[in-house]
Amino acid sequence: MRRGSWWRVGKSKLLSTWGFGVKHRLTTEGGEAAWILSVHASNVEATVTEQLILANYGIPTTTWSDSASSRRWAASASNAVSWSLKLDK
């Protein structure tokens, strides 16, 4: 998937309750273009291929924008670090 000069590689189901998986990922992640690189019989095969492509082409695994769940996790982690280091005082 591409957005501007940024590239992402990811996996999705071909069809889900949301419809066509690639279109859903493109829409939710704000991508401008997407390609289907390969199709796999299992999630394990898809994950291995995804990781190989990322490593071979040096594509980072970071996301383009924060999701609500990642913001909650970051806030929780930040609170845990502050508490353990007693930074509140």
PDB file of N, CA and C in Angstrom:
ATOM      1  N   MET A   1       0.850  -1.152   0.000  1.00  0.00           N
ATOM      2  CA  MET A   1       0.000   0.000   0.000  1.00  0.00           C
ATOM      3  C   MET A   1       0.908   1.231   0.000  1.00  0.00           C
ATOM      4  N   ARG A   2       0.433   2.276  -0.624  1.00  0.00           N
ATOM      5  CA  ARG A   2       1.221   3.507  -0.711  1.00  0.00           C
ATOM      6  C   ARG A   2       0.377   4.692  -0.289  1.00  0.00           C
ATOM      7  N   ARG A   3       1.028   5.623   0.406  1.00  0.00           N
ATOM      8  CA  ARG A   3       0.453   6.929   0.700  1.00  0.00           C
ATOM      9  C   ARG A   3       1.573   7.941   0.537  1.00  0.00           C
ATOM     10  N   GLY A   4       1.470   8.758  -0.506  1.00  0.00           N
ATOM     11  CA  GLY A   4       2.553   9.688  -0.798  1.00  0.00           C
ATOM     12  C   GLY A   4       3.815   8.918  -1.123  1.00  0.00           C
ATOM     13  N   SER A   5       4.899   9.247  -0.420  1.00  0.00           N
ATOM     14  CA  SER A   5       6.156   8.524  -0.635  1.00  0.00           C
ATOM     15  C   SER A   5       6.376   7.435   0.412  1.00  0.00           C
ATOM     16  N   TRP A   6       5.345   7.131   1.187  1.00  0.00           N
ATOM     17  CA  TRP A   6       5.435   6.102   2.225  1.00  0.00           C
ATOM     18  C   TRP A   6       4.821   4.797   1.714  1.00  0.00           C
ATOM     19  N   TRP A   7       5.423   3.687   2.127  1.00  0.00           N
ATOM     20  CA  TRP A   7       4.971   2.363   1.707  1.00  0.00           C
ATOM     21  C   TRP A   7       4.704   1.505   2.928  1.00  0.00           C
ATOM     22  N   ARG A   8       3.707   0.634   2.837  1.00  0.00           N
ATOM     23  CA  ARG A   8       3.402  -0.324   3.892  1.00  0.00           C
ATOM     24  C   ARG A   8       3.118  -1.676   3.262  1.00  0.00           C
ATOM     25  N   VAL A   9       3.484  -2.702   3.968  1.00  0.00           N
ATOM     26  CA  VAL A   9       3.134  -4.062   3.558  1.00  0.00           C
ATOM     27  C   VAL A   9       2.313  -4.640   4.696  1.00  0.00           C
ATOM     28  N   GLY A  10       1.206  -5.253   4.362  1.00  0.00           N
ATOM     29  CA  GLY A  10       0.370  -5.846   5.392  1.00  0.00           C
ATOM     30  C   GLY A  10      -0.491  -6.932   4.797  1.00  0.00           C
ATOM     31  N   LYS A  11      -1.111  -7.668   5.665  1.00  0.00           N
ATOM     32  CA  LYS A  11      -1.964  -8.750   5.208  1.00  0.00           C
ATOM     33  C   LYS A  11      -3.398  -8.456   5.619  1.00  0.00           C
ATOM     34  N   SER A  12      -4.310  -8.993   4.865  1.00  0.00           N
ATOM     35  CA  SER A  12      -5.725  -8.887   5.206  1.00  0.00           C
ATOM     36  C   SER A  12      -6.455 -10.066   4.583  1.00  0.00           C
ATOM     37  N   LYS A  13      -7.614 -10.336   5.098  1.00  0.00           N
ATOM     38  CA  LYS A  13      -8.434 -11.367   4.476  1.00  0.00           C
ATOM     39  C   LYS A  13      -8.936 -10.816   3.157  1.00  0.00           C
ATOM     40  N   LEU A  14      -9.098 -11.692   2.191  1.00  0.00           N
ATOM     41  CA  LEU A  14      -9.600 -11.250   0.898  1.00  0.00           C
ATOM     42  C   LEU A  14     -11.011 -10.690   1.043  1.00  0.00           C
ATOM     43  N   LEU A  15     -11.859 -11.424   1.756  1.00  0.00           N
ATOM     44  CA  LEU A  15     -13.216 -10.970   2.034  1.00  0.00           C
ATOM     45  C   LEU A  15     -13.486 -11.113   3.522  1.00  0.00           C
ATOM     46  N   SER A  16     -14.147 -10.119   4.092  1.00  0.00           N
ATOM     47  CA  SER A  16     -14.529 -10.181   5.500  1.00  0.00           C
ATOM     48  C   SER A  16     -15.922  -9.588   5.647  1.00  0.00           C
ATOM     49  N   THR A  17     -16.379  -9.470   6.877  1.00  0.00           N
ATOM     50  CA  THR A  17     -17.690  -8.860   7.107  1.00  0.00           C
ATOM     51  C   THR A  17     -17.702  -7.394   6.688  1.00  0.00           C
ATOM     52  N   TRP A  18     -16.522  -6.786   6.567  1.00  0.00           N
ATOM     53  CA  TRP A  18     -16.402  -5.384   6.132  1.00  0.00           C
ATOM     54  C   TRP A  18     -16.390  -5.269   4.611  1.00  0.00           C
ATOM     55  N   GLY A  19     -16.310  -6.392   3.920  1.00  0.00           N
ATOM     56  CA  GLY A  19     -16.258  -6.382   2.463  1.00  0.00           C
ATOM     57  C   GLY A  19     -14.895  -6.830   1.962  1.00  0.00           C
ATOM     58  N   PHE A  20     -14.446  -6.221   0.884  1.00  0.00           N
ATOM     59  CA  PHE A  20     -13.147  -6.547   0.276  1.00  0.00           C
ATOM     60  C   PHE A  20     -12.036  -6.063   1.201  1.00  0.00           C
ATOM     61  N   GLY A  21     -11.228  -6.991   1.703  1.00  0.00           N
ATOM     62  CA  GLY A  21     -10.224  -6.683   2.723  1.00  0.00           C
ATOM     63  C   GLY A  21      -9.237  -5.605   2.339  1.00  0.00           C
ATOM     64  N   VAL A  22      -8.763  -5.619   1.093  1.00  0.00           N
ATOM     65  CA  VAL A  22      -7.773  -4.625   0.654  1.00  0.00           C
ATOM     66  C   VAL A  22      -8.400  -3.226   0.660  1.00  0.00           C
ATOM     67  N   LYS A  23      -9.619  -3.119   0.182  1.00  0.00           N
ATOM     68  CA  LYS A  23     -10.303  -1.823   0.165  1.00  0.00           C
ATOM     69  C   LYS A  23     -10.496  -1.305   1.586  1.00  0.00           C
ATOM     70  N   HIS A  24     -10.858  -2.186   2.495  1.00  0.00           N
ATOM     71  CA  HIS A  24     -11.042  -1.782   3.889  1.00  0.00           C
ATOM     72  C   HIS A  24      -9.740  -1.254   4.486  1.00  0.00           C
ATOM     73  N   ARG A  25      -8.633  -1.980   4.274  1.00  0.00           N
ATOM     74  CA  ARG A  25      -7.333  -1.516   4.782  1.00  0.00           C
ATOM     75  C   ARG A  25      -6.942  -0.181   4.167  1.00  0.00           C
ATOM     76  N   LEU A  26      -7.154  -0.044   2.872  1.00  0.00           N
ATOM     77  CA  LEU A  26      -6.829   1.198   2.168  1.00  0.00           C
ATOM     78  C   LEU A  26      -7.605   2.368   2.768  1.00  0.00           C
ATOM     79  N   THR A  27      -8.882   2.155   3.001  1.00  0.00           N
ATOM     80  CA  THR A  27      -9.730   3.209   3.548  1.00  0.00           C
ATOM     81  C   THR A  27      -9.362   3.549   4.989  1.00  0.00           C
ATOM     82  N   THR A  28      -9.232   2.548   5.839  1.00  0.00           N
ATOM     83  CA  THR A  28      -8.972   2.808   7.256  1.00  0.00           C
ATOM     84  C   THR A  28      -7.580   3.363   7.506  1.00  0.00           C
ATOM     85  N   GLU A  29      -6.605   3.042   6.647  1.00  0.00           N
ATOM     86  CA  GLU A  29      -5.243   3.518   6.853  1.00  0.00           C
ATOM     87  C   GLU A  29      -4.909   4.736   5.999  1.00  0.00           C
ATOM     88  N   GLY A  30      -5.864   5.201   5.208  1.00  0.00           N
ATOM     89  CA  GLY A  30      -5.642   6.414   4.422  1.00  0.00           C
ATOM     90  C   GLY A  30      -4.687   6.230   3.262  1.00  0.00           C
ATOM     91  N   GLY A  31      -4.613   5.035   2.724  1.00  0.00           N
ATOM     92  CA  GLY A  31      -3.727   4.777   1.591  1.00  0.00           C
ATOM     93  C   GLY A  31      -4.287   5.329   0.296  1.00  0.00           C
ATOM     94  N   GLU A  32      -3.392   5.531  -0.657  1.00  0.00           N
ATOM     95  CA  GLU A  32      -3.786   6.060  -1.967  1.00  0.00           C
ATOM     96  C   GLU A  32      -3.812   4.983  -3.043  1.00  0.00           C
ATOM     97  N   ALA A  33      -3.048   3.918  -2.846  1.00  0.00           N
ATOM     98  CA  ALA A  33      -2.979   2.835  -3.825  1.00  0.00           C
ATOM     99  C   ALA A  33      -2.614   1.545  -3.095  1.00  0.00           C
ATOM    100  N   ALA A  34      -3.074   0.419  -3.642  1.00  0.00           N
ATOM    101  CA  ALA A  34      -2.780  -0.874  -3.024  1.00  0.00           C
ATOM    102  C   ALA A  34      -2.619  -1.929  -4.102  1.00  0.00           C
ATOM    103  N   TRP A  35      -1.834  -2.938  -3.796  1.00  0.00           N
ATOM    104  CA  TRP A  35      -1.598  -4.060  -4.699  1.00  0.00           C
ATOM    105  C   TRP A  35      -1.718  -5.345  -3.909  1.00  0.00           C
ATOM    106  N   ILE A  36      -2.195  -6.393  -4.539  1.00  0.00           N
ATOM    107  CA  ILE A  36      -2.175  -7.725  -3.941  1.00  0.00           C
ATOM    108  C   ILE A  36      -0.901  -8.395  -4.440  1.00  0.00           C
ATOM    109  N   LEU A  37       0.025  -8.632  -3.527  1.00  0.00           N
ATOM    110  CA  LEU A  37       1.319  -9.222  -3.895  1.00  0.00           C
ATOM    111  C   LEU A  37       1.254 -10.738  -3.974  1.00  0.00           C
ATOM    112  N   SER A  38       0.435 -11.348  -3.116  1.00  0.00           N
ATOM    113  CA  SER A  38       0.316 -12.803  -3.114  1.00  0.00           C
ATOM    114  C   SER A  38      -0.924 -13.198  -2.327  1.00  0.00           C
ATOM    115  N   VAL A  39      -1.355 -14.435  -2.529  1.00  0.00           N
ATOM    116  CA  VAL A  39      -2.500 -14.998  -1.825  1.00  0.00           C
ATOM    117  C   VAL A  39      -2.038 -16.294  -1.168  1.00  0.00           C
ATOM    118  N   HIS A  40      -2.470 -16.515   0.085  1.00  0.00           N
ATOM    119  CA  HIS A  40      -1.987 -17.671   0.841  1.00  0.00           C
ATOM    120  C   HIS A  40      -3.137 -18.458   1.442  1.00  0.00           C
ATOM    121  N   ALA A  41      -2.898 -19.734   1.663  1.00  0.00           N
ATOM    122  CA  ALA A  41      -3.913 -20.622   2.221  1.00  0.00           C
ATOM    123  C   ALA A  41      -4.050 -20.477   3.732  1.00  0.00           C
ATOM    124  N   SER A  42      -3.006 -19.987   4.398  1.00  0.00           N
ATOM    125  CA  SER A  42      -3.076 -19.874   5.856  1.00  0.00           C
ATOM    126  C   SER A  42      -2.512 -18.531   6.322  1.00  0.00           C
ATOM    127  N   ASN A  43      -2.906 -18.153   7.529  1.00  0.00           N
ATOM    128  CA  ASN A  43      -2.408 -16.924   8.141  1.00  0.00           C
ATOM    129  C   ASN A  43      -0.898 -17.011   8.379  1.00  0.00           C
ATOM    130  N   VAL A  44      -0.406 -18.192   8.736  1.00  0.00           N
ATOM    131  CA  VAL A  44       1.029 -18.379   8.978  1.00  0.00           C
ATOM    132  C   VAL A  44       1.824 -18.096   7.693  1.00  0.00           C
ATOM    133  N   GLU A  45       1.382 -18.660   6.581  1.00  0.00           N
ATOM    134  CA  GLU A  45       2.062 -18.410   5.300  1.00  0.00           C
ATOM    135  C   GLU A  45       2.041 -16.925   4.961  1.00  0.00           C
ATOM    136  N   ALA A  46       0.914 -16.276   5.171  1.00  0.00           N
ATOM    137  CA  ALA A  46       0.795 -14.850   4.867  1.00  0.00           C
ATOM    138  C   ALA A  46       1.723 -14.023   5.753  1.00  0.00           C
ATOM    139  N   THR A  47       1.804 -14.371   7.031  1.00  0.00           N
ATOM    140  CA  THR A  47       2.664 -13.642   7.965  1.00  0.00           C
ATOM    141  C   THR A  47       4.132 -13.804   7.607  1.00  0.00           C
ATOM    142  N   VAL A  48       4.554 -15.017   7.283  1.00  0.00           N
ATOM    143  CA  VAL A  48       5.951 -15.266   6.901  1.00  0.00           C
ATOM    144  C   VAL A  48       6.302 -14.473   5.641  1.00  0.00           C
ATOM    145  N   THR A  49       5.431 -14.508   4.644  1.00  0.00           N
ATOM    146  CA  THR A  49       5.681 -13.773   3.400  1.00  0.00           C
ATOM    147  C   THR A  49       5.731 -12.280   3.658  1.00  0.00           C
ATOM    148  N   GLU A  50       4.821 -11.768   4.484  1.00  0.00           N
ATOM    149  CA  GLU A  50       4.820 -10.344   4.842  1.00  0.00           C
ATOM    150  C   GLU A  50       6.163  -9.942   5.448  1.00  0.00           C
ATOM    151  N   GLN A  51       6.653 -10.726   6.399  1.00  0.00           N
ATOM    152  CA  GLN A  51       7.914 -10.403   7.070  1.00  0.00           C
ATOM    153  C   GLN A  51       9.107 -10.489   6.119  1.00  0.00           C
ATOM    154  N   LEU A  52       9.095 -11.463   5.221  1.00  0.00           N
ATOM    155  CA  LEU A  52      10.174 -11.572   4.235  1.00  0.00           C
ATOM    156  C   LEU A  52      10.207 -10.360   3.300  1.00  0.00           C
ATOM    157  N   ILE A  53       9.044  -9.916   2.854  1.00  0.00           N
ATOM    158  CA  ILE A  53       8.983  -8.741   1.974  1.00  0.00           C
ATOM    159  C   ILE A  53       9.474  -7.506   2.718  1.00  0.00           C
ATOM    160  N   LEU A  54       9.032  -7.331   3.963  1.00  0.00           N
ATOM    161  CA  LEU A  54       9.484  -6.193   4.754  1.00  0.00           C
ATOM    162  C   LEU A  54      11.006  -6.188   4.899  1.00  0.00           C
ATOM    163  N   ALA A  55      11.570  -7.347   5.210  1.00  0.00           N
ATOM    164  CA  ALA A  55      13.021  -7.449   5.398  1.00  0.00           C
ATOM    165  C   ALA A  55      13.777  -7.264   4.086  1.00  0.00           C
ATOM    166  N   ASN A  56      13.308  -7.885   3.014  1.00  0.00           N
ATOM    167  CA  ASN A  56      14.010  -7.806   1.724  1.00  0.00           C
ATOM    168  C   ASN A  56      14.054  -6.393   1.167  1.00  0.00           C
ATOM    169  N   TYR A  57      12.995  -5.620   1.381  1.00  0.00           N
ATOM    170  CA  TYR A  57      12.926  -4.285   0.804  1.00  0.00           C
ATOM    171  C   TYR A  57      13.144  -3.170   1.816  1.00  0.00           C
ATOM    172  N   GLY A  58      13.424  -3.522   3.070  1.00  0.00           N
ATOM    173  CA  GLY A  58      13.706  -2.520   4.096  1.00  0.00           C
ATOM    174  C   GLY A  58      12.521  -1.616   4.406  1.00  0.00           C
ATOM    175  N   ILE A  59      11.324  -2.170   4.335  1.00  0.00           N
ATOM    176  CA  ILE A  59      10.121  -1.383   4.613  1.00  0.00           C
ATOM    177  C   ILE A  59       9.838  -1.455   6.114  1.00  0.00           C
ATOM    178  N   PRO A  60       9.715  -0.304   6.785  1.00  0.00           N
ATOM    179  CA  PRO A  60       9.465  -0.329   8.228  1.00  0.00           C
ATOM    180  C   PRO A  60       8.070  -0.872   8.547  1.00  0.00           C
ATOM    181  N   THR A  61       7.901  -1.351   9.763  1.00  0.00           N
ATOM    182  CA  THR A  61       6.616  -1.913  10.181  1.00  0.00           C
ATOM    183  C   THR A  61       5.755  -0.892  10.910  1.00  0.00           C
ATOM    184  N   THR A  62       6.187   0.343  10.966  1.00  0.00           N
ATOM    185  CA  THR A  62       5.405   1.376  11.637  1.00  0.00           C
ATOM    186  C   THR A  62       4.135   1.689  10.859  1.00  0.00           C
ATOM    187  N   THR A  63       3.161   2.240  11.555  1.00  0.00           N
ATOM    188  CA  THR A  63       1.907   2.612  10.910  1.00  0.00           C
ATOM    189  C   THR A  63       1.923   4.095  10.576  1.00  0.00           C
ATOM    190  N   TRP A  64       1.022   4.500   9.701  1.00  0.00           N
ATOM    191  CA  TRP A  64       0.960   5.896   9.278  1.00  0.00           C
ATOM    192  C   TRP A  64       0.290   6.787  10.294  1.00  0.00           C
ATOM    193  N   SER A  65      -0.629   6.248  11.057  1.00  0.00           N
ATOM    194  CA  SER A  65      -1.326   7.049  12.057  1.00  0.00           C
ATOM    195  C   SER A  65      -1.681   6.182  13.250  1.00  0.00           C
ATOM    196  N   ASP A  66      -1.919   6.837  14.373  1.00  0.00           N
ATOM    197  CA  ASP A  66      -2.276   6.122  15.589  1.00  0.00           C
ATOM    198  C   ASP A  66      -3.704   5.623  15.513  1.00  0.00           C
ATOM    199  N   SER A  67      -3.920   4.459  16.029  1.00  0.00           N
ATOM    200  CA  SER A  67      -5.275   3.951  16.186  1.00  0.00           C
ATOM    201  C   SER A  67      -5.701   4.252  17.617  1.00  0.00           C
ATOM    202  N   ALA A  68      -6.979   4.161  17.881  1.00  0.00           N
ATOM    203  CA  ALA A  68      -7.478   4.395  19.239  1.00  0.00           C
ATOM    204  C   ALA A  68      -6.841   3.412  20.216  1.00  0.00           C
ATOM    205  N   SER A  69      -6.679   2.156  19.799  1.00  0.00           N
ATOM    206  CA  SER A  69      -6.094   1.159  20.701  1.00  0.00           C
ATOM    207  C   SER A  69      -4.622   1.460  20.975  1.00  0.00           C
ATOM    208  N   SER A  70      -3.879   1.952  19.974  1.00  0.00           N
ATOM    209  CA  SER A  70      -2.463   2.265  20.222  1.00  0.00           C
ATOM    210  C   SER A  70      -2.334   3.493  21.130  1.00  0.00           C
ATOM    211  N   ARG A  71      -3.262   4.451  21.024  1.00  0.00           N
ATOM    212  CA  ARG A  71      -3.228   5.614  21.924  1.00  0.00           C
ATOM    213  C   ARG A  71      -3.530   5.182  23.354  1.00  0.00           C
ATOM    214  N   ARG A  72      -4.499   4.257  23.527  1.00  0.00           N
ATOM    215  CA  ARG A  72      -4.804   3.754  24.877  1.00  0.00           C
ATOM    216  C   ARG A  72      -3.599   3.017  25.445  1.00  0.00           C
ATOM    217  N   TRP A  73      -2.948   2.179  24.613  1.00  0.00           N
ATOM    218  CA  TRP A  73      -1.779   1.437  25.079  1.00  0.00           C
ATOM    219  C   TRP A  73      -0.665   2.398  25.474  1.00  0.00           C
ATOM    220  N   ALA A  74      -0.414   3.417  24.661  1.00  0.00           N
ATOM    221  CA  ALA A  74       0.653   4.381  24.953  1.00  0.00           C
ATOM    222  C   ALA A  74       0.366   5.117  26.255  1.00  0.00           C
ATOM    223  N   ALA A  75      -0.876   5.521  26.475  1.00  0.00           N
ATOM    224  CA  ALA A  75      -1.238   6.209  27.718  1.00  0.00           C
ATOM    225  C   ALA A  75      -1.042   5.281  28.913  1.00  0.00           C
ATOM    226  N   SER A  76      -1.442   4.030  28.770  1.00  0.00           N
ATOM    227  CA  SER A  76      -1.289   3.055  29.841  1.00  0.00           C
ATOM    228  C   SER A  76       0.191   2.813  30.143  1.00  0.00           C
ATOM    229  N   ALA A  77       0.992   2.657  29.096  1.00  0.00           N
ATOM    230  CA  ALA A  77       2.431   2.426  29.277  1.00  0.00           C
ATOM    231  C   ALA A  77       3.089   3.635  29.921  1.00  0.00           C
ATOM    232  N   SER A  78       2.695   4.830  29.489  1.00  0.00           N
ATOM    233  CA  SER A  78       3.244   6.054  30.055  1.00  0.00           C
ATOM    234  C   SER A  78       2.917   6.161  31.537  1.00  0.00           C
ATOM    235  N   ASN A  79       1.676   5.842  31.902  1.00  0.00           N
ATOM    236  CA  ASN A  79       1.282   5.871  33.312  1.00  0.00           C
ATOM    237  C   ASN A  79       2.071   4.857  34.120  1.00  0.00           C
ATOM    238  N   ALA A  80       2.289   3.676  33.561  1.00  0.00           N
ATOM    239  CA  ALA A  80       3.037   2.634  34.272  1.00  0.00           C
ATOM    240  C   ALA A  80       4.478   3.061  34.507  1.00  0.00           C
ATOM    241  N   VAL A  81       5.099   3.681  33.501  1.00  0.00           N
ATOM    242  CA  VAL A  81       6.485   4.147  33.643  1.00  0.00           C
ATOM    243  C   VAL A  81       6.555   5.264  34.678  1.00  0.00           C
ATOM    244  N   SER A  82       5.626   6.216  34.599  1.00  0.00           N
ATOM    245  CA  SER A  82       5.600   7.315  35.569  1.00  0.00           C
ATOM    246  C   SER A  82       5.448   6.786  36.984  1.00  0.00           C
ATOM    247  N   TRP A  83       4.562   5.806  37.157  1.00  0.00           N
ATOM    248  CA  TRP A  83       4.346   5.255  38.478  1.00  0.00           C
ATOM    249  C   TRP A  83       5.573   4.518  38.979  1.00  0.00           C
ATOM    250  N   SER A  84       6.181   3.700  38.107  1.00  0.00           N
ATOM    251  CA  SER A  84       7.325   2.894  38.546  1.00  0.00           C
ATOM    252  C   SER A  84       8.551   3.768  38.812  1.00  0.00           C
ATOM    253  N   LEU A  85       8.663   4.897  38.118  1.00  0.00           N
ATOM    254  CA  LEU A  85       9.807   5.803  38.341  1.00  0.00           C
ATOM    255  C   LEU A  85       9.470   6.902  39.342  1.00  0.00           C
ATOM    256  N   LYS A  86       8.221   6.918  39.795  1.00  0.00           N
ATOM    257  CA  LYS A  86       7.730   7.928  40.748  1.00  0.00           C
ATOM    258  C   LYS A  86       7.988   9.336  40.224  1.00  0.00           C
ATOM    259  N   LEU A  87       7.660   9.544  38.951  1.00  0.00           N
ATOM    260  CA  LEU A  87       7.856  10.857  38.320  1.00  0.00           C
ATOM    261  C   LEU A  87       6.768  11.848  38.716  1.00  0.00           C
ATOM    262  N   ASP A  88       5.724  11.392  39.366  1.00  0.00           N
ATOM    263  CA  ASP A  88       4.624  12.277  39.734  1.00  0.00           C
ATOM    264  C   ASP A  88       5.012  13.235  40.845  1.00  0.00           C
ATOM    265  N   LYS A  89       6.072  12.949  41.568  1.00  0.00           N
ATOM    266  CA  LYS A  89       6.463  13.780  42.717  1.00  0.00           C
ATOM    267  C   LYS A  89       7.496  14.796  42.343  1.00  0.00           C
TER     268      LYS A  89
END
